[in-house]
C-alpha cells in the first residue's frame, strides 16, 4: 500500500513539472534569434533582356514570411511591376513585370530592387530593352551599262546589317556591317559583271534587325524586241502583216497559231501570213522571236470574223455555229463578192419534214440562189434583169432528191459561181461531188457591183431541222 502511494506521488511531481515547462516564457530571446526565423526567397534572374516592340512579360515568384517591396530605378516608368509590394507575409507571391514599347533609337535599362522588412540585404534585377530599329536605304540611282562596273547605294541604320542580291552577276564590296558609331550614312559599292545578253534586272535586299528594304537594279544589254505595229490585227479576209524587230542579234521568228505562217524577210523584219478566217469566232495567236542563247520576245495578234448572223443561231464552244429551222436563220458575209468558190463544212445535219438549205445572193434586180430540200427540190436559179438590161432567168431542177440519210451524211456543201465566156456558171456540190450546174446570162454583166452571199434557212423551215456549220470558206474568182 505504501509502495502504491509512492508511485502516485512520483507521477504527480513529473506531470506538474511538465505543465510548468509548457507555459514558461523564454526571457533570453534576442534580436538575432528573432531575425534567424525571417525568410525572403526570390527566384528571379539577375537580368533580363526584352524586345523594343511588343515585349513579352517577365514573371517570377517571391516566397516570404515578412512584408516586402520592389522599387524601380529613376526614370524607369516604362516598367510596371504587379504587385510591387506585400504588406503582410505570404507564403508565395507571383510577380509580373510588363513593359512599354521603346520608341527611341537607344537601348535603355532599369533596375528593380527587392527589400524585405527586418532583412538587411537586397535583391536587384536588371532589365535591358532593345532600341527601336532604324533602316534607311538610298538605292542605286542609274542603270548599269552593258559593260558592267561599280555603282553605289547608301545605308543608314542603328543595327547590324546585311546585304544580298537574287543574282550571281551582282556583287558587293561589303556584305554586312555594324552601325556607324556617329550615326552617319554608309556607302556600299555594288559591281555588275559584263552583260552579253538582253537587259536584265536584279533585286538588292538590305536587312537590319527585323527591318528589310529592297530595290531593283537594271543592267542594259543588247536590244531585243518586237516593235508593236500600229495594228495588231491580221486581215480577216486573209493576207500578211509585216512586223519590225529591233535588235542586232541573230533571231528566228515563230508562231503558235497553226493556221498562220511566219517568214523572216530581212535582218529587221518578218512577215505573218494568215488565210481568210472562215470560222465564226475571232482567231488569236502569238508571234515570237528568239535567239539560240535564249533571248525571247513575243506579240499577240488577232484576226476578226467575216460573217454576221441572224435568226435562230448559236455559237458553240468549239467556234462553230448551229442554225435551227423555224425562222430565217442565216449566215451572211460581211463583204461583197462577184464570182466565187465557196465551201461550207457541216456536221450534225438533221433534216425534218420541211428541212432545206439555201445559198443566196442578190445583184440589183437579179437573184442568185441554190435550194436543196429533204426529198424535194434540188435546183440552181438566177432571175431578174441585169444592169445591161438582159433577163438572167435560168432555173435548173435536178431529179435526184436528197434523202434524210444523205443529209445526215453531208459534211460539205460547195457553191461555185464562175464566169464562163461572158456568162455565169452556177454549180453546187455535195461532199465535194458536183450535183448539178447551169450556165446562163451573168447577173453581174453591165455592173461592177458585188453581193453579200448568205447561207441558211432563207424560207421558214421545220423547227426540228438543224445543222452545224464549222467553217465557211469563200475565195473570189478573177474575171
Protein backbone atom coordinates (compact mmCIF):
# COMPACT_ATOMS: atom_id res chain seq x y z
CA UNK A 1 0.00 0.00 0.00
CA UNK A 2 2.83 2.33 0.88
CA UNK A 3 4.59 1.44 -2.37
CA UNK A 4 1.48 2.33 -4.47
CA UNK A 5 1.17 5.71 -2.76
CA UNK A 6 4.83 6.39 -3.53
CA UNK A 7 4.34 5.72 -7.26
CA UNK A 8 1.33 8.04 -7.45
CA UNK A 9 3.24 10.78 -5.78
CA UNK A 10 6.18 10.44 -8.17
CA UNK A 11 3.89 10.73 -11.24
CA UNK A 12 2.29 13.86 -9.83
CA UNK A 13 5.68 15.52 -9.47
CA UNK A 14 6.66 14.66 -13.06
CA UNK A 15 3.35 15.93 -14.63
CA UNK A 16 3.47 19.12 -12.62
CA UNK A 17 6.94 19.82 -13.85
CA UNK A 18 5.89 19.28 -17.49
CA UNK A 19 2.95 21.62 -17.17
CA UNK A 20 5.12 24.38 -15.89
CA UNK A 21 7.63 23.88 -18.71
CA UNK A 22 4.87 24.27 -21.41
CA UNK A 23 3.89 27.76 -20.30
CA UNK A 24 7.33 29.01 -19.42
CA UNK A 25 8.42 32.33 -21.20
CA UNK A 26 11.95 32.46 -22.59
CA UNK A 27 13.35 35.58 -21.06
CA UNK A 28 16.61 35.11 -23.02
CA UNK A 29 15.10 35.90 -26.69
CA UNK A 30 17.44 38.27 -28.61
CA UNK A 31 17.01 40.24 -31.96
CA UNK A 32 19.46 37.85 -33.54
CA UNK A 33 17.30 34.87 -32.57
CA UNK A 34 14.17 36.64 -33.99
CA UNK A 35 15.90 37.53 -37.31
CA UNK A 36 17.00 33.98 -37.77
CA UNK A 37 13.39 32.90 -38.36
CA UNK A 38 12.53 35.50 -41.13
CA UNK A 39 12.55 34.17 -44.73
CA UNK A 40 12.50 36.03 -48.14
CA UNK A 41 13.31 33.94 -51.23
CA UNK A 42 13.02 35.25 -54.88
CA UNK A 43 13.59 33.01 -57.92
CA UNK A 44 14.09 35.91 -60.42
CA UNK A 45 17.18 36.02 -62.62
CA UNK A 46 19.67 38.78 -62.04
CA UNK A 47 18.99 40.28 -65.52
CA UNK A 48 16.50 40.14 -68.37
CA UNK A 49 16.55 41.46 -71.99
CA UNK A 50 13.33 42.39 -73.79
CA UNK A 51 12.45 43.47 -77.32
CA UNK A 52 11.77 47.06 -78.35
CA UNK A 53 8.35 46.30 -79.77
CA UNK A 54 5.64 44.13 -78.21
CA UNK A 55 7.96 42.94 -75.44
CA UNK A 56 6.75 39.90 -73.52
CA UNK A 57 6.18 39.93 -69.76
CA UNK A 58 8.71 38.68 -67.19
CA UNK A 59 7.40 36.73 -64.19
CA UNK A 60 8.92 35.19 -61.05
CA UNK A 61 7.92 34.07 -57.53
CA UNK A 62 8.64 35.54 -54.11
CA UNK A 63 8.33 33.22 -51.05
CA UNK A 64 8.32 35.24 -47.81
CA UNK A 65 7.06 35.39 -44.23
CA UNK A 66 7.76 39.11 -43.95
CA UNK A 67 6.40 42.15 -45.87
CA UNK A 68 8.45 43.15 -48.95
CA UNK A 69 8.68 45.96 -51.59
CA UNK A 70 10.06 46.24 -55.14
CA UNK A 71 11.22 49.73 -56.20
CA UNK A 72 12.19 50.95 -59.68
CA UNK A 73 15.27 52.97 -60.52
CA UNK A 74 14.85 56.61 -61.53
CA UNK A 75 13.30 57.11 -64.99
CA UNK A 76 12.07 53.53 -65.25
CA UNK A 77 8.40 54.46 -65.59
CA UNK A 78 8.29 52.27 -68.72
CA UNK A 79 8.41 49.26 -66.37
CA UNK A 80 5.32 48.13 -64.42
CA UNK A 81 5.61 45.66 -61.50
CA UNK A 82 2.49 43.82 -60.35
CA UNK A 83 2.33 43.55 -57.36
CA UNK A 84 5.14 45.84 -56.30
CA UNK A 85 4.78 45.13 -52.58
CA UNK A 86 3.28 42.82 -49.99
CA UNK A 87 2.02 44.45 -46.75
CA UNK A 88 1.64 41.15 -44.93
CA UNK A 89 3.59 37.96 -45.05
CA UNK A 90 2.51 35.50 -47.69
CA UNK A 91 3.78 32.07 -48.43
CA UNK A 92 4.27 32.62 -52.24
CA UNK A 93 3.51 35.67 -54.45
CA UNK A 94 3.52 35.70 -58.29
CA UNK A 95 5.13 38.90 -59.63
CA UNK A 96 4.67 40.03 -63.26
CA UNK A 97 6.77 42.74 -64.93
CA UNK A 98 5.41 44.38 -68.11
CA UNK A 99 6.99 46.95 -70.42
CA UNK A 100 6.07 49.74 -72.82
CA UNK A 101 7.44 49.79 -76.39
CA UNK A 102 10.78 51.52 -76.81
CA UNK A 103 10.23 54.21 -79.46
CA UNK A 104 13.73 55.67 -79.16
CA UNK A 105 16.81 54.71 -81.16
CA UNK A 106 18.79 53.93 -78.00
CA UNK A 107 18.84 50.91 -75.71
CA UNK A 108 17.54 51.54 -72.18
CA UNK A 109 17.75 49.77 -68.83
CA UNK A 110 16.08 49.78 -65.42
CA UNK A 111 16.99 48.29 -62.02
CA UNK A 112 14.42 46.73 -59.71
CA UNK A 113 15.35 46.43 -56.03
CA UNK A 114 13.60 43.91 -53.73
CA UNK A 115 13.74 44.64 -49.97
CA UNK A 116 12.11 42.84 -47.05
CA UNK A 117 11.15 44.05 -43.58
CA UNK A 118 13.76 43.14 -40.97
CA UNK A 119 16.03 41.79 -43.76
CA UNK A 120 19.31 43.58 -44.10
CA UNK A 121 20.21 42.51 -47.67
CA UNK A 122 18.51 43.39 -51.03
CA UNK A 123 17.96 41.62 -54.34
CA UNK A 124 18.48 43.57 -57.61
CA UNK A 125 17.11 42.71 -61.05
CA UNK A 126 18.40 44.48 -64.18
CA UNK A 127 16.05 44.94 -67.18
CA UNK A 128 17.55 45.89 -70.60
CA UNK A 129 15.27 46.84 -73.54
CA UNK A 130 16.49 46.98 -77.13
CA UNK A 131 16.33 50.20 -79.08
CA UNK A 132 13.83 50.72 -81.89
CA UNK A 133 15.40 49.64 -85.19
CA UNK A 134 16.13 52.20 -87.93
CA UNK A 135 16.93 51.42 -91.53
CA UNK A 136 17.12 53.87 -94.44
CA UNK A 137 18.33 52.75 -97.87
CA UNK A 138 19.07 55.03 -100.84
CA UNK A 139 19.00 52.83 -103.99
CA UNK A 140 21.36 52.82 -106.95
CA UNK A 141 20.45 55.90 -108.96
CA UNK A 142 21.06 54.68 -112.54
CA UNK A 143 21.16 51.61 -114.75
CA UNK A 144 24.34 49.62 -115.18
CA UNK A 145 25.97 49.77 -118.58
CA UNK A 146 26.17 46.52 -120.53
CA UNK A 147 29.93 46.53 -119.87
CA UNK A 148 29.25 46.28 -116.14
CA UNK A 149 31.14 48.10 -113.39
CA UNK A 150 30.50 49.63 -109.96
CA UNK A 151 27.60 51.76 -108.74
CA UNK A 152 26.90 52.76 -105.14
CA UNK A 153 23.96 52.86 -102.78
CA UNK A 154 23.67 54.09 -99.18
CA UNK A 155 22.57 52.59 -95.85
CA UNK A 156 21.75 54.38 -92.61
CA UNK A 157 20.87 52.17 -89.66
CA UNK A 158 21.41 51.78 -85.92
CA UNK A 159 21.62 47.98 -86.12
CA UNK A 160 23.91 45.35 -87.57
CA UNK A 161 23.08 44.99 -91.26
CA UNK A 162 23.41 42.59 -94.17
CA UNK A 163 23.03 42.99 -97.95
CA UNK A 164 22.32 40.35 -100.61
CA UNK A 165 21.00 40.03 -104.17
CA UNK A 166 19.00 37.37 -106.02
CA UNK A 167 21.51 37.01 -108.89
CA UNK A 168 25.11 35.91 -109.23
CA UNK A 169 26.21 38.70 -111.57
CA UNK A 170 25.98 41.41 -108.89
CA UNK A 171 28.50 41.55 -106.01
CA UNK A 172 29.16 43.93 -103.08
CA UNK A 173 32.34 45.32 -101.52
CA UNK A 174 30.67 44.87 -98.10
CA UNK A 175 28.04 42.20 -97.50
CA UNK A 176 27.45 43.07 -93.81
CA UNK A 177 28.45 45.56 -91.17
CA UNK A 178 27.74 47.34 -87.90
CA UNK A 179 26.12 50.75 -87.33
CA UNK A 180 28.28 53.80 -87.79
CA UNK A 181 29.14 54.97 -84.24
CA UNK A 182 28.27 58.56 -85.17
CA UNK A 183 25.03 57.61 -86.93
CA UNK A 184 26.45 58.52 -90.35
CA UNK A 185 25.34 57.05 -93.68
CA UNK A 186 27.43 54.17 -95.02
CA UNK A 187 28.19 53.57 -98.71
CA UNK A 188 28.12 50.13 -100.34
CA UNK A 189 29.61 49.51 -103.79
CA UNK A 190 27.65 47.06 -105.98
CA UNK A 191 29.52 45.79 -109.04
CA UNK A 192 27.84 44.19 -112.07
CA UNK A 193 29.55 41.75 -114.40
CA UNK A 194 29.52 42.46 -118.15
CA UNK A 195 26.21 41.57 -119.81
CA UNK A 196 26.37 39.82 -123.17
CA UNK A 197 22.60 39.23 -123.33
CA UNK A 198 19.46 41.32 -123.23
CA UNK A 199 18.72 43.81 -120.44
CA UNK A 200 18.39 42.15 -117.04
CA UNK A 201 17.21 43.04 -113.54
CA UNK A 202 18.36 42.13 -110.02
CA UNK A 203 16.80 42.76 -106.62
CA UNK A 204 19.02 44.04 -103.79
CA UNK A 205 17.81 43.43 -100.23
CA UNK A 206 19.16 45.09 -97.08
CA UNK A 207 18.20 43.72 -93.66
CA UNK A 208 18.88 45.23 -90.23
CA UNK A 209 17.29 43.50 -87.26
CA UNK A 210 13.65 42.99 -88.11
CA UNK A 211 13.69 45.69 -90.80
CA UNK A 212 14.14 44.99 -94.50
CA UNK A 213 14.36 47.22 -97.58
CA UNK A 214 14.62 46.10 -101.23
CA UNK A 215 15.19 47.81 -104.56
CA UNK A 216 15.75 46.72 -108.17
CA UNK A 217 18.71 47.47 -110.39
CA UNK A 218 18.72 47.05 -114.17
CA UNK A 219 21.65 46.40 -116.45
CA UNK A 220 21.48 47.33 -120.09
CA UNK A 221 22.15 44.70 -122.73
CA UNK A 222 21.71 44.45 -126.44
CA UNK A 223 18.23 45.45 -127.57
CA UNK A 224 15.92 42.56 -128.43
CA UNK A 225 12.31 43.43 -129.03
CA UNK A 226 9.38 43.20 -131.42
CA UNK A 227 8.26 46.68 -132.37
CA UNK A 228 4.49 46.79 -131.85
CA UNK A 229 2.84 47.81 -135.16
CA UNK A 230 0.05 50.36 -135.43
CA UNK A 231 -2.40 47.47 -135.78
CA UNK A 232 -2.01 44.00 -134.30
CA UNK A 233 -4.90 42.62 -136.34
CA UNK A 234 -4.33 40.38 -139.34
CA UNK A 235 -6.60 40.90 -142.37
CA UNK A 236 -9.78 38.90 -141.75
CA UNK A 237 -10.05 38.12 -145.47
CA UNK A 238 -6.53 36.76 -145.45
CA UNK A 239 -3.23 38.47 -146.02
CA UNK A 240 0.02 39.45 -144.37
CA UNK A 241 1.30 41.78 -141.69
CA UNK A 242 4.95 42.87 -141.68
CA UNK A 243 6.46 43.38 -138.23
CA UNK A 244 9.69 45.15 -137.32
CA UNK A 245 12.32 43.72 -134.98
CA UNK A 246 14.72 45.96 -133.06
CA UNK A 247 17.91 44.03 -132.34
CA UNK A 248 21.44 43.42 -133.52
CA UNK A 249 21.29 39.74 -132.60
CA UNK A 250 20.58 36.81 -134.89
CA UNK A 251 16.98 35.74 -134.40
CA UNK A 252 14.28 33.37 -135.66
CA UNK A 253 10.51 34.06 -135.88
CA UNK A 254 7.76 31.64 -134.86
CA UNK A 255 4.01 31.49 -134.19
CA UNK A 256 1.79 29.31 -132.03
CA UNK A 257 -1.20 29.57 -134.41
CA UNK A 258 -1.25 26.52 -136.69
CA UNK A 259 -3.16 28.44 -139.42
CA UNK A 260 -0.57 31.22 -139.67
CA UNK A 261 2.90 31.21 -141.16
CA UNK A 262 5.89 33.43 -140.40
CA UNK A 263 8.76 34.35 -142.70
CA UNK A 264 11.88 36.37 -141.91
CA UNK A 265 12.17 38.93 -144.71
CA UNK A 266 15.39 40.67 -143.62
CA UNK A 267 17.50 41.30 -140.50
CA UNK A 268 14.89 43.68 -139.08
CA UNK A 269 11.51 42.35 -140.29
CA UNK A 270 9.36 39.27 -140.50
CA UNK A 271 6.02 38.65 -142.19
CA UNK A 272 2.98 36.91 -140.69
CA UNK A 273 0.53 35.47 -143.21
CA UNK A 274 -2.95 34.19 -142.43
CA UNK A 275 -5.65 32.72 -144.67
CA UNK A 276 -9.15 34.18 -144.52
CA UNK A 277 -10.86 33.45 -141.24
CA UNK A 278 -13.59 31.05 -142.29
CA UNK A 279 -14.58 30.41 -138.67
CA UNK A 280 -17.15 32.19 -136.58
CA UNK A 281 -15.04 33.46 -133.68
CA UNK A 282 -12.00 35.76 -133.86
CA UNK A 283 -8.66 33.99 -134.04
CA UNK A 284 -5.78 34.89 -131.75
CA UNK A 285 -2.19 33.79 -131.61
CA UNK A 286 1.30 34.85 -130.66
CA UNK A 287 4.26 35.56 -132.86
CA UNK A 288 7.70 35.48 -131.29
CA UNK A 289 11.38 35.96 -131.93
CA UNK A 290 14.18 34.08 -130.17
CA UNK A 291 17.94 33.58 -130.21
CA UNK A 292 19.92 30.37 -129.64
CA UNK A 293 21.12 31.93 -126.39
CA UNK A 294 17.58 32.16 -125.00
CA UNK A 295 16.61 35.79 -125.69
CA UNK A 296 12.89 35.96 -126.40
CA UNK A 297 10.11 38.40 -127.14
CA UNK A 298 6.53 37.90 -128.27
CA UNK A 299 3.49 39.77 -129.53
CA UNK A 300 -0.18 38.76 -129.59
CA UNK A 301 -2.15 39.17 -132.83
CA UNK A 302 -5.80 38.66 -133.69
CA UNK A 303 -7.95 38.09 -136.77
CA UNK A 304 -11.61 39.05 -136.89
CA UNK A 305 -14.51 37.05 -138.41
CA UNK A 306 -16.06 37.63 -141.86
CA UNK A 307 -19.73 36.95 -141.14
CA UNK A 308 -22.88 38.21 -139.45
CA UNK A 309 -25.69 36.06 -138.05
CA UNK A 310 -29.47 36.32 -137.75
CA UNK A 311 -32.44 34.17 -136.75
CA UNK A 312 -32.01 31.07 -134.60
CA UNK A 313 -28.27 30.55 -134.27
CA UNK A 314 -25.90 29.55 -131.51
CA UNK A 315 -22.13 29.99 -131.37
CA UNK A 316 -20.84 26.74 -129.87
CA UNK A 317 -17.84 26.26 -127.58
CA UNK A 318 -15.68 24.95 -130.45
CA UNK A 319 -16.36 28.11 -132.51
CA UNK A 320 -18.87 26.55 -134.90
CA UNK A 321 -22.43 27.85 -135.48
CA UNK A 322 -25.61 25.84 -135.03
CA UNK A 323 -28.51 27.00 -137.22
CA UNK A 324 -32.06 25.93 -136.38
CA UNK A 325 -35.19 25.95 -138.54
CA UNK A 326 -38.47 27.64 -137.71
CA UNK A 327 -37.03 31.06 -138.65
CA UNK A 328 -34.89 32.75 -141.25
CA UNK A 329 -31.62 31.62 -139.66
CA UNK A 330 -28.83 32.91 -141.87
CA UNK A 331 -25.05 33.35 -142.03
CA UNK A 332 -24.10 36.33 -144.24
CA UNK A 333 -20.72 37.54 -145.49
CA UNK A 334 -19.61 40.96 -144.26
CA UNK A 335 -18.07 41.70 -147.67
CA UNK A 336 -19.45 41.66 -151.19
CA UNK A 337 -18.20 39.38 -153.96
CA UNK A 338 -18.92 38.69 -157.60
CA UNK A 339 -17.65 35.32 -158.80
CA UNK A 340 -16.68 32.92 -156.04
CA UNK A 341 -15.84 29.42 -154.97
CA UNK A 342 -17.37 28.68 -151.57
CA UNK A 343 -17.39 25.64 -149.31
CA UNK A 344 -19.25 25.12 -146.05
CA UNK A 345 -18.08 22.41 -143.67
CA UNK A 346 -21.02 20.78 -141.89
CA UNK A 347 -21.73 18.36 -139.05
CA UNK A 348 -24.74 17.13 -137.08
CA UNK A 349 -27.09 17.63 -140.04
CA UNK A 350 -30.69 16.83 -139.11
CA UNK A 351 -33.45 17.39 -141.67
CA UNK A 352 -37.12 17.08 -140.71
CA UNK A 353 -40.27 17.33 -142.85
CA UNK A 354 -39.68 20.72 -144.48
CA UNK A 355 -35.94 20.90 -143.94
CA UNK A 356 -33.94 22.74 -146.59
CA UNK A 357 -30.68 24.52 -147.27
CA UNK A 358 -30.35 27.76 -149.19
CA UNK A 359 -27.45 29.66 -150.69
CA UNK A 360 -28.42 33.15 -151.79
CA UNK A 361 -27.10 36.39 -153.35
CA UNK A 362 -28.70 39.42 -154.99
CA UNK A 363 -27.25 41.83 -157.57
CA UNK A 364 -29.60 44.72 -158.34
CA UNK A 365 -32.80 43.05 -159.59
CA UNK A 366 -31.12 39.66 -160.02
CA UNK A 367 -31.43 36.82 -157.52
CA UNK A 368 -28.87 34.04 -157.42
CA UNK A 369 -29.75 31.04 -155.29
CA UNK A 370 -29.45 27.33 -154.75
CA UNK A 371 -32.06 25.32 -152.86
CA UNK A 372 -31.94 21.70 -151.67
CA UNK A 373 -34.87 20.26 -149.73
CA UNK A 374 -35.39 16.96 -147.95
CA UNK A 375 -36.93 14.60 -150.53
CA UNK A 376 -37.80 17.54 -152.77
CA UNK A 377 -36.28 20.33 -154.85
CA UNK A 378 -32.66 20.48 -155.81
CA UNK A 379 -32.20 23.49 -158.03
CA UNK A 380 -30.00 26.41 -159.05
CA UNK A 381 -31.59 29.61 -160.28
CA UNK A 382 -30.90 33.17 -161.41
CA UNK A 383 -33.68 35.58 -162.24
CA UNK A 384 -34.26 39.28 -162.90
CA UNK A 385 -32.78 41.79 -165.36
CA UNK A 386 -29.09 42.59 -165.06
CA UNK A 387 -27.56 46.07 -165.36
CA UNK A 388 -27.16 45.58 -169.10
CA UNK A 389 -30.97 45.15 -169.37
CA UNK A 390 -30.88 41.44 -170.14
CA UNK A 391 -33.02 38.85 -168.37
CA UNK A 392 -30.94 36.43 -166.33
CA UNK A 393 -33.73 33.95 -165.76
CA UNK A 394 -32.38 30.44 -165.67
CA UNK A 395 -33.73 27.79 -163.33
CA UNK A 396 -32.49 24.22 -163.33
CA UNK A 397 -34.01 21.47 -161.21
CA UNK A 398 -32.40 18.09 -160.61
CA UNK A 399 -34.29 14.84 -160.26
CA UNK A 400 -32.25 13.11 -157.57
CA UNK A 401 -33.76 14.40 -154.34
CA UNK A 402 -31.60 14.10 -151.20
CA UNK A 403 -32.83 11.64 -148.59
CA UNK A 404 -32.68 12.10 -144.82
CA UNK A 405 -29.74 9.69 -144.72
CA UNK A 406 -27.90 11.68 -147.39
CA UNK A 407 -28.43 14.89 -145.46
CA UNK A 408 -27.19 13.21 -142.29
CA UNK A 409 -24.05 12.11 -144.16
CA UNK A 410 -23.42 15.59 -145.56
CA UNK A 411 -20.08 17.07 -144.43
CA UNK A 412 -19.57 19.79 -147.02
CA UNK A 413 -21.74 21.96 -149.24
CA UNK A 414 -19.99 23.66 -152.17
CA UNK A 415 -21.06 26.53 -154.43
CA UNK A 416 -19.14 27.68 -157.49
CA UNK A 417 -20.27 30.87 -159.27
CA UNK A 418 -17.75 31.45 -162.06
CA UNK A 419 -17.52 33.41 -165.33
CA UNK A 420 -17.94 31.32 -168.47
CA UNK A 421 -17.35 33.10 -171.79
CA UNK A 422 -19.36 36.14 -170.68
CA UNK A 423 -21.99 34.04 -168.99
CA UNK A 424 -22.36 32.83 -165.43
CA UNK A 425 -21.87 29.20 -164.46
CA UNK A 426 -23.63 28.14 -161.26
CA UNK A 427 -22.74 24.79 -159.67
CA UNK A 428 -23.42 23.13 -156.33
CA UNK A 429 -21.55 20.21 -154.78
CA UNK A 430 -22.45 17.58 -152.20
CA UNK A 431 -19.43 16.36 -150.19
CA UNK A 432 -17.16 17.61 -152.97
CA UNK A 433 -19.20 15.90 -155.71
CA UNK A 434 -20.94 18.05 -158.31
CA UNK A 435 -24.72 17.51 -158.09
CA UNK A 436 -25.78 19.97 -160.75
CA UNK A 437 -24.90 23.13 -162.66
CA UNK A 438 -26.34 25.64 -165.11
CA UNK A 439 -24.93 28.33 -167.34
CA UNK A 440 -26.83 31.47 -168.24
CA UNK A 441 -26.72 35.25 -168.60
CA UNK A 442 -24.43 36.78 -165.97
CA UNK A 443 -26.13 38.69 -163.20
CA UNK A 444 -23.01 40.88 -162.99
CA UNK A 445 -22.93 41.93 -166.64
CA UNK A 446 -23.00 45.71 -167.01
CA UNK A 447 -22.08 46.49 -163.40
CA UNK A 448 -19.10 46.45 -161.07
CA UNK A 449 -21.30 45.62 -158.09
CA UNK A 450 -20.95 42.53 -155.97
CA UNK A 451 -23.23 40.88 -153.45
CA UNK A 452 -23.09 39.63 -149.89
CA UNK A 453 -23.75 35.87 -150.01
CA UNK A 454 -25.90 34.14 -147.39
CA UNK A 455 -26.39 30.57 -146.31
CA UNK A 456 -29.08 29.03 -144.12
CA UNK A 457 -32.87 28.86 -143.87
CA UNK A 458 -33.92 31.55 -146.29
CA UNK A 459 -37.54 30.49 -146.04
CA UNK A 460 -39.03 29.43 -142.73
CA UNK A 461 -38.24 25.75 -142.25
CA UNK A 462 -39.26 22.97 -139.89
CA UNK A 463 -38.36 23.75 -136.27
CA UNK A 464 -36.92 20.25 -135.91
CA UNK A 465 -34.37 20.92 -138.62
CA UNK A 466 -30.87 21.97 -137.58
CA UNK A 467 -27.25 21.63 -138.59
CA UNK A 468 -23.88 22.94 -137.51
CA UNK A 469 -21.51 24.90 -139.75
CA UNK A 470 -17.87 24.59 -138.70
CA UNK A 471 -16.43 26.89 -141.39
CA UNK A 472 -17.48 28.98 -144.38
CA UNK A 473 -14.60 29.48 -146.82
CA UNK A 474 -15.04 31.85 -149.78
CA UNK A 475 -12.47 32.57 -152.47
CA UNK A 476 -13.03 35.30 -155.04
CA UNK A 477 -12.62 34.22 -158.65
CA UNK A 478 -10.95 36.59 -161.07
CA UNK A 479 -12.94 37.60 -164.14
